[in-house]
Amino acid sequence: MPTYLVNTHAQPNGDHEVHEANCHHLPSVEHRKYLGHFESCAPAVSEAKKTYPQSNGCYFCARECNTG
């Protein structure tokens, strides 16, 4: 199962992006929060929303969870 992380630093639109650990668009180490291992991005985004209600999947590594 993939490992997921969330960007603790919001994007300009307020979203906190959820990434797979192997994504080429990961935030810097100081802006990553470990979410855990999940079968897909949907439960990872749900986990991120517990801390950051405005969370969204990364366009590049979690596109099926990206709402634009």
PDB file of N, CA and C in Angstrom:
ATOM      1  N   MET A   1       0.837  -1.185   0.000  1.00  0.00           N
ATOM      2  CA  MET A   1       0.000   0.000   0.000  1.00  0.00           C
ATOM      3  C   MET A   1       0.882   1.247   0.000  1.00  0.00           C
ATOM      4  N   PRO A   2       0.484   2.235  -0.768  1.00  0.00           N
ATOM      5  CA  PRO A   2       1.269   3.474  -0.826  1.00  0.00           C
ATOM      6  C   PRO A   2       1.231   4.244   0.493  1.00  0.00           C
ATOM      7  N   THR A   3       2.292   4.981   0.730  1.00  0.00           N
ATOM      8  CA  THR A   3       2.381   5.891   1.867  1.00  0.00           C
ATOM      9  C   THR A   3       1.953   7.269   1.386  1.00  0.00           C
ATOM     10  N   TYR A   4       1.164   7.949   2.192  1.00  0.00           N
ATOM     11  CA  TYR A   4       0.677   9.283   1.830  1.00  0.00           C
ATOM     12  C   TYR A   4       1.114  10.320   2.850  1.00  0.00           C
ATOM     13  N   LEU A   5       1.317  11.539   2.330  1.00  0.00           N
ATOM     14  CA  LEU A   5       1.704  12.694   3.135  1.00  0.00           C
ATOM     15  C   LEU A   5       0.840  13.874   2.712  1.00  0.00           C
ATOM     16  N   VAL A   6       0.687  14.825   3.603  1.00  0.00           N
ATOM     17  CA  VAL A   6      -0.045  16.040   3.253  1.00  0.00           C
ATOM     18  C   VAL A   6       0.885  17.236   3.437  1.00  0.00           C
ATOM     19  N   ASN A   7       0.713  18.201   2.567  1.00  0.00           N
ATOM     20  CA  ASN A   7       1.481  19.441   2.647  1.00  0.00           C
ATOM     21  C   ASN A   7       0.887  20.301   3.762  1.00  0.00           C
ATOM     22  N   THR A   8       1.680  20.624   4.766  1.00  0.00           N
ATOM     23  CA  THR A   8       1.196  21.434   5.883  1.00  0.00           C
ATOM     24  C   THR A   8       1.078  22.909   5.509  1.00  0.00           C
ATOM     25  N   HIS A   9       1.652  23.274   4.397  1.00  0.00           N
ATOM     26  CA  HIS A   9       1.600  24.650   3.898  1.00  0.00           C
ATOM     27  C   HIS A   9       0.549  24.700   2.789  1.00  0.00           C
ATOM     28  N   ALA A  10      -0.482  25.475   2.979  1.00  0.00           N
ATOM     29  CA  ALA A  10      -1.578  25.555   2.006  1.00  0.00           C
ATOM     30  C   ALA A  10      -1.143  26.189   0.687  1.00  0.00           C
ATOM     31  N   GLN A  11      -1.774  25.739  -0.376  1.00  0.00           N
ATOM     32  CA  GLN A  11      -1.605  26.344  -1.691  1.00  0.00           C
ATOM     33  C   GLN A  11      -2.285  27.716  -1.674  1.00  0.00           C
ATOM     34  N   PRO A  12      -2.068  28.566  -2.688  1.00  0.00           N
ATOM     35  CA  PRO A  12      -2.715  29.893  -2.720  1.00  0.00           C
ATOM     36  C   PRO A  12      -4.243  29.832  -2.603  1.00  0.00           C
ATOM     37  N   ASN A  13      -4.858  28.729  -3.086  1.00  0.00           N
ATOM     38  CA  ASN A  13      -6.317  28.607  -3.011  1.00  0.00           C
ATOM     39  C   ASN A  13      -6.788  28.035  -1.673  1.00  0.00           C
ATOM     40  N   GLY A  14      -5.859  27.749  -0.750  1.00  0.00           N
ATOM     41  CA  GLY A  14      -6.203  27.231   0.563  1.00  0.00           C
ATOM     42  C   GLY A  14      -6.132  25.724   0.699  1.00  0.00           C
ATOM     43  N   ASP A  15      -5.927  25.003  -0.408  1.00  0.00           N
ATOM     44  CA  ASP A  15      -5.850  23.541  -0.368  1.00  0.00           C
ATOM     45  C   ASP A  15      -4.539  23.055   0.246  1.00  0.00           C
ATOM     46  N   HIS A  16      -4.642  21.974   0.994  1.00  0.00           N
ATOM     47  CA  HIS A  16      -3.482  21.231   1.481  1.00  0.00           C
ATOM     48  C   HIS A  16      -3.413  19.979   0.627  1.00  0.00           C
ATOM     49  N   GLU A  17      -2.395  19.859  -0.194  1.00  0.00           N
ATOM     50  CA  GLU A  17      -2.304  18.750  -1.148  1.00  0.00           C
ATOM     51  C   GLU A  17      -1.819  17.464  -0.487  1.00  0.00           C
ATOM     52  N   VAL A  18      -2.492  16.362  -0.851  1.00  0.00           N
ATOM     53  CA  VAL A  18      -2.126  15.025  -0.395  1.00  0.00           C
ATOM     54  C   VAL A  18      -1.303  14.372  -1.497  1.00  0.00           C
ATOM     55  N   HIS A  19      -0.145  13.807  -1.122  1.00  0.00           N
ATOM     56  CA  HIS A  19       0.786  13.206  -2.068  1.00  0.00           C
ATOM     57  C   HIS A  19       1.133  11.779  -1.674  1.00  0.00           C
ATOM     58  N   GLU A  20       1.416  10.957  -2.691  1.00  0.00           N
ATOM     59  CA  GLU A  20       2.067   9.678  -2.427  1.00  0.00           C
ATOM     60  C   GLU A  20       3.523   9.984  -2.107  1.00  0.00           C
ATOM     61  N   ALA A  21       4.136   9.160  -1.275  1.00  0.00           N
ATOM     62  CA  ALA A  21       5.508   9.415  -0.829  1.00  0.00           C
ATOM     63  C   ALA A  21       6.521   9.443  -1.964  1.00  0.00           C
ATOM     64  N   ASN A  22       6.209   8.822  -3.104  1.00  0.00           N
ATOM     65  CA  ASN A  22       7.149   8.809  -4.226  1.00  0.00           C
ATOM     66  C   ASN A  22       6.862   9.894  -5.265  1.00  0.00           C
ATOM     67  N   CYS A  23       5.994  10.830  -4.957  1.00  0.00           N
ATOM     68  CA  CYS A  23       5.628  11.899  -5.901  1.00  0.00           C
ATOM     69  C   CYS A  23       6.812  12.831  -6.145  1.00  0.00           C
ATOM     70  N   HIS A  24       6.943  13.279  -7.375  1.00  0.00           N
ATOM     71  CA  HIS A  24       8.013  14.217  -7.733  1.00  0.00           C
ATOM     72  C   HIS A  24       7.662  15.653  -7.337  1.00  0.00           C
ATOM     73  N   HIS A  25       6.461  15.857  -6.817  1.00  0.00           N
ATOM     74  CA  HIS A  25       6.009  17.201  -6.449  1.00  0.00           C
ATOM     75  C   HIS A  25       5.782  17.327  -4.947  1.00  0.00           C
ATOM     76  N   LEU A  26       6.494  16.520  -4.166  1.00  0.00           N
ATOM     77  CA  LEU A  26       6.378  16.596  -2.714  1.00  0.00           C
ATOM     78  C   LEU A  26       6.831  17.958  -2.201  1.00  0.00           C
ATOM     79  N   PRO A  27       6.198  18.431  -1.129  1.00  0.00           N
ATOM     80  CA  PRO A  27       6.687  19.666  -0.514  1.00  0.00           C
ATOM     81  C   PRO A  27       8.010  19.399   0.199  1.00  0.00           C
ATOM     82  N   SER A  28       8.662  20.455   0.606  1.00  0.00           N
ATOM     83  CA  SER A  28       9.907  20.299   1.351  1.00  0.00           C
ATOM     84  C   SER A  28       9.630  19.530   2.647  1.00  0.00           C
ATOM     85  N   VAL A  29      10.655  18.912   3.179  1.00  0.00           N
ATOM     86  CA  VAL A  29      10.526  18.044   4.353  1.00  0.00           C
ATOM     87  C   VAL A  29       9.824  18.759   5.509  1.00  0.00           C
ATOM     88  N   GLU A  30      10.129  20.014   5.727  1.00  0.00           N
ATOM     89  CA  GLU A  30       9.516  20.730   6.851  1.00  0.00           C
ATOM     90  C   GLU A  30       8.027  21.021   6.652  1.00  0.00           C
ATOM     91  N   HIS A  31       7.505  20.790   5.449  1.00  0.00           N
ATOM     92  CA  HIS A  31       6.090  21.024   5.163  1.00  0.00           C
ATOM     93  C   HIS A  31       5.336  19.731   4.867  1.00  0.00           C
ATOM     94  N   ARG A  32       5.839  18.603   5.355  1.00  0.00           N
ATOM     95  CA  ARG A  32       5.182  17.306   5.145  1.00  0.00           C
ATOM     96  C   ARG A  32       4.644  16.771   6.464  1.00  0.00           C
ATOM     97  N   LYS A  33       3.430  16.231   6.407  1.00  0.00           N
ATOM     98  CA  LYS A  33       2.873  15.514   7.554  1.00  0.00           C
ATOM     99  C   LYS A  33       2.510  14.115   7.086  1.00  0.00           C
ATOM    100  N   TYR A  34       3.023  13.134   7.777  1.00  0.00           N
ATOM    101  CA  TYR A  34       2.764  11.731   7.462  1.00  0.00           C
ATOM    102  C   TYR A  34       1.297  11.410   7.750  1.00  0.00           C
ATOM    103  N   LEU A  35       0.629  10.778   6.787  1.00  0.00           N
ATOM    104  CA  LEU A  35      -0.764  10.369   6.971  1.00  0.00           C
ATOM    105  C   LEU A  35      -0.893   8.874   7.234  1.00  0.00           C
ATOM    106  N   GLY A  36      -0.057   8.077   6.575  1.00  0.00           N
ATOM    107  CA  GLY A  36      -0.118   6.634   6.752  1.00  0.00           C
ATOM    108  C   GLY A  36      -0.143   5.901   5.431  1.00  0.00           C
ATOM    109  N   HIS A  37      -0.417   4.600   5.521  1.00  0.00           N
ATOM    110  CA  HIS A  37      -0.504   3.731   4.346  1.00  0.00           C
ATOM    111  C   HIS A  37      -1.974   3.511   4.023  1.00  0.00           C
ATOM    112  N   PHE A  38      -2.341   3.736   2.766  1.00  0.00           N
ATOM    113  CA  PHE A  38      -3.723   3.583   2.322  1.00  0.00           C
ATOM    114  C   PHE A  38      -3.748   2.905   0.965  1.00  0.00           C
ATOM    115  N   GLU A  39      -4.841   2.205   0.679  1.00  0.00           N
ATOM    116  CA  GLU A  39      -4.982   1.520  -0.608  1.00  0.00           C
ATOM    117  C   GLU A  39      -5.174   2.493  -1.764  1.00  0.00           C
ATOM    118  N   SER A  40      -5.697   3.680  -1.480  1.00  0.00           N
ATOM    119  CA  SER A  40      -5.912   4.684  -2.518  1.00  0.00           C
ATOM    120  C   SER A  40      -5.853   6.071  -1.883  1.00  0.00           C
ATOM    121  N   CYS A  41      -5.974   7.080  -2.714  1.00  0.00           N
ATOM    122  CA  CYS A  41      -5.877   8.440  -2.207  1.00  0.00           C
ATOM    123  C   CYS A  41      -7.118   8.880  -1.436  1.00  0.00           C
ATOM    124  N   ALA A  42      -8.281   8.297  -1.718  1.00  0.00           N
ATOM    125  CA  ALA A  42      -9.520   8.742  -1.068  1.00  0.00           C
ATOM    126  C   ALA A  42      -9.448   8.654   0.460  1.00  0.00           C
ATOM    127  N   PRO A  43      -9.067   7.511   1.034  1.00  0.00           N
ATOM    128  CA  PRO A  43      -8.967   7.495   2.496  1.00  0.00           C
ATOM    129  C   PRO A  43      -7.826   8.375   3.023  1.00  0.00           C
ATOM    130  N   ALA A  44      -6.788   8.579   2.232  1.00  0.00           N
ATOM    131  CA  ALA A  44      -5.698   9.468   2.642  1.00  0.00           C
ATOM    132  C   ALA A  44      -6.187  10.913   2.714  1.00  0.00           C
ATOM    133  N   VAL A  45      -6.976  11.328   1.733  1.00  0.00           N
ATOM    134  CA  VAL A  45      -7.531  12.684   1.749  1.00  0.00           C
ATOM    135  C   VAL A  45      -8.485  12.829   2.940  1.00  0.00           C
ATOM    136  N   SER A  46      -9.280  11.811   3.214  1.00  0.00           N
ATOM    137  CA  SER A  46     -10.173  11.853   4.379  1.00  0.00           C
ATOM    138  C   SER A  46      -9.388  12.019   5.672  1.00  0.00           C
ATOM    139  N   GLU A  47      -8.274  11.308   5.772  1.00  0.00           N
ATOM    140  CA  GLU A  47      -7.415  11.436   6.951  1.00  0.00           C
ATOM    141  C   GLU A  47      -6.839  12.848   7.046  1.00  0.00           C
ATOM    142  N   ALA A  48      -6.397  13.400   5.928  1.00  0.00           N
ATOM    143  CA  ALA A  48      -5.842  14.755   5.916  1.00  0.00           C
ATOM    144  C   ALA A  48      -6.888  15.785   6.336  1.00  0.00           C
ATOM    145  N   LYS A  49      -8.137  15.565   5.953  1.00  0.00           N
ATOM    146  CA  LYS A  49      -9.210  16.518   6.275  1.00  0.00           C
ATOM    147  C   LYS A  49      -9.505  16.583   7.768  1.00  0.00           C
ATOM    148  N   LYS A  50      -9.048  15.604   8.531  1.00  0.00           N
ATOM    149  CA  LYS A  50      -9.213  15.665   9.989  1.00  0.00           C
ATOM    150  C   LYS A  50      -8.393  16.818  10.569  1.00  0.00           C
ATOM    151  N   THR A  51      -7.281  17.132   9.938  1.00  0.00           N
ATOM    152  CA  THR A  51      -6.424  18.233  10.372  1.00  0.00           C
ATOM    153  C   THR A  51      -6.604  19.461   9.501  1.00  0.00           C
ATOM    154  N   TYR A  52      -6.706  19.235   8.189  1.00  0.00           N
ATOM    155  CA  TYR A  52      -6.832  20.322   7.213  1.00  0.00           C
ATOM    156  C   TYR A  52      -8.112  20.103   6.421  1.00  0.00           C
ATOM    157  N   PRO A  53      -9.241  20.692   6.849  1.00  0.00           N
ATOM    158  CA  PRO A  53     -10.529  20.439   6.181  1.00  0.00           C
ATOM    159  C   PRO A  53     -10.527  20.715   4.672  1.00  0.00           C
ATOM    160  N   GLN A  54      -9.670  21.617   4.234  1.00  0.00           N
ATOM    161  CA  GLN A  54      -9.585  21.906   2.802  1.00  0.00           C
ATOM    162  C   GLN A  54      -8.371  21.169   2.237  1.00  0.00           C
ATOM    163  N   SER A  55      -8.505  19.847   2.098  1.00  0.00           N
ATOM    164  CA  SER A  55      -7.439  19.015   1.534  1.00  0.00           C
ATOM    165  C   SER A  55      -7.888  18.486   0.183  1.00  0.00           C
ATOM    166  N   ASN A  56      -6.910  18.197  -0.666  1.00  0.00           N
ATOM    167  CA  ASN A  56      -7.171  17.813  -2.043  1.00  0.00           C
ATOM    168  C   ASN A  56      -6.033  16.909  -2.511  1.00  0.00           C
ATOM    169  N   GLY A  57      -6.328  15.983  -3.396  1.00  0.00           N
ATOM    170  CA  GLY A  57      -5.289  15.127  -3.953  1.00  0.00           C
ATOM    171  C   GLY A  57      -4.391  15.879  -4.920  1.00  0.00           C
ATOM    172  N   CYS A  58      -3.136  15.509  -4.948  1.00  0.00           N
ATOM    173  CA  CYS A  58      -2.165  16.083  -5.885  1.00  0.00           C
ATOM    174  C   CYS A  58      -2.587  15.752  -7.324  1.00  0.00           C
ATOM    175  N   TYR A  59      -2.493  16.726  -8.194  1.00  0.00           N
ATOM    176  CA  TYR A  59      -2.837  16.529  -9.597  1.00  0.00           C
ATOM    177  C   TYR A  59      -1.960  15.466 -10.254  1.00  0.00           C
ATOM    178  N   PHE A  60      -0.732  15.325  -9.811  1.00  0.00           N
ATOM    179  CA  PHE A  60       0.217  14.430 -10.460  1.00  0.00           C
ATOM    180  C   PHE A  60       0.209  13.010  -9.911  1.00  0.00           C
ATOM    181  N   CYS A  61       0.079  12.838  -8.600  1.00  0.00           N
ATOM    182  CA  CYS A  61       0.172  11.487  -8.029  1.00  0.00           C
ATOM    183  C   CYS A  61      -1.142  10.974  -7.456  1.00  0.00           C
ATOM    184  N   ALA A  62      -2.123  11.848  -7.276  1.00  0.00           N
ATOM    185  CA  ALA A  62      -3.421  11.447  -6.719  1.00  0.00           C
ATOM    186  C   ALA A  62      -4.538  12.129  -7.508  1.00  0.00           C
ATOM    187  N   ARG A  63      -4.404  12.056  -8.829  1.00  0.00           N
ATOM    188  CA  ARG A  63      -5.311  12.782  -9.718  1.00  0.00           C
ATOM    189  C   ARG A  63      -6.784  12.433  -9.514  1.00  0.00           C
ATOM    190  N   GLU A  64      -7.061  11.162  -9.194  1.00  0.00           N
ATOM    191  CA  GLU A  64      -8.463  10.765  -9.010  1.00  0.00           C
ATOM    192  C   GLU A  64      -9.090  11.434  -7.779  1.00  0.00           C
ATOM    193  N   CYS A  65      -8.281  12.004  -6.921  1.00  0.00           N
ATOM    194  CA  CYS A  65      -8.766  12.712  -5.735  1.00  0.00           C
ATOM    195  C   CYS A  65      -8.575  14.225  -5.854  1.00  0.00           C
ATOM    196  N   ASN A  66      -8.157  14.687  -7.019  1.00  0.00           N
ATOM    197  CA  ASN A  66      -7.948  16.109  -7.245  1.00  0.00           C
ATOM    198  C   ASN A  66      -9.243  16.714  -7.761  1.00  0.00           C
ATOM    199  N   THR A  67      -9.730  17.735  -7.068  1.00  0.00           N
ATOM    200  CA  THR A  67     -10.989  18.367  -7.467  1.00  0.00           C
ATOM    201  C   THR A  67     -10.780  19.647  -8.254  1.00  0.00           C
ATOM    202  N   GLY A  68      -9.531  19.916  -8.605  1.00  0.00           N
ATOM    203  CA  GLY A  68      -9.251  21.079  -9.442  1.00  0.00           C
ATOM    204  C   GLY A  68      -8.904  22.226  -8.636  1.00  0.00           C
TER     205      GLY A  68
END
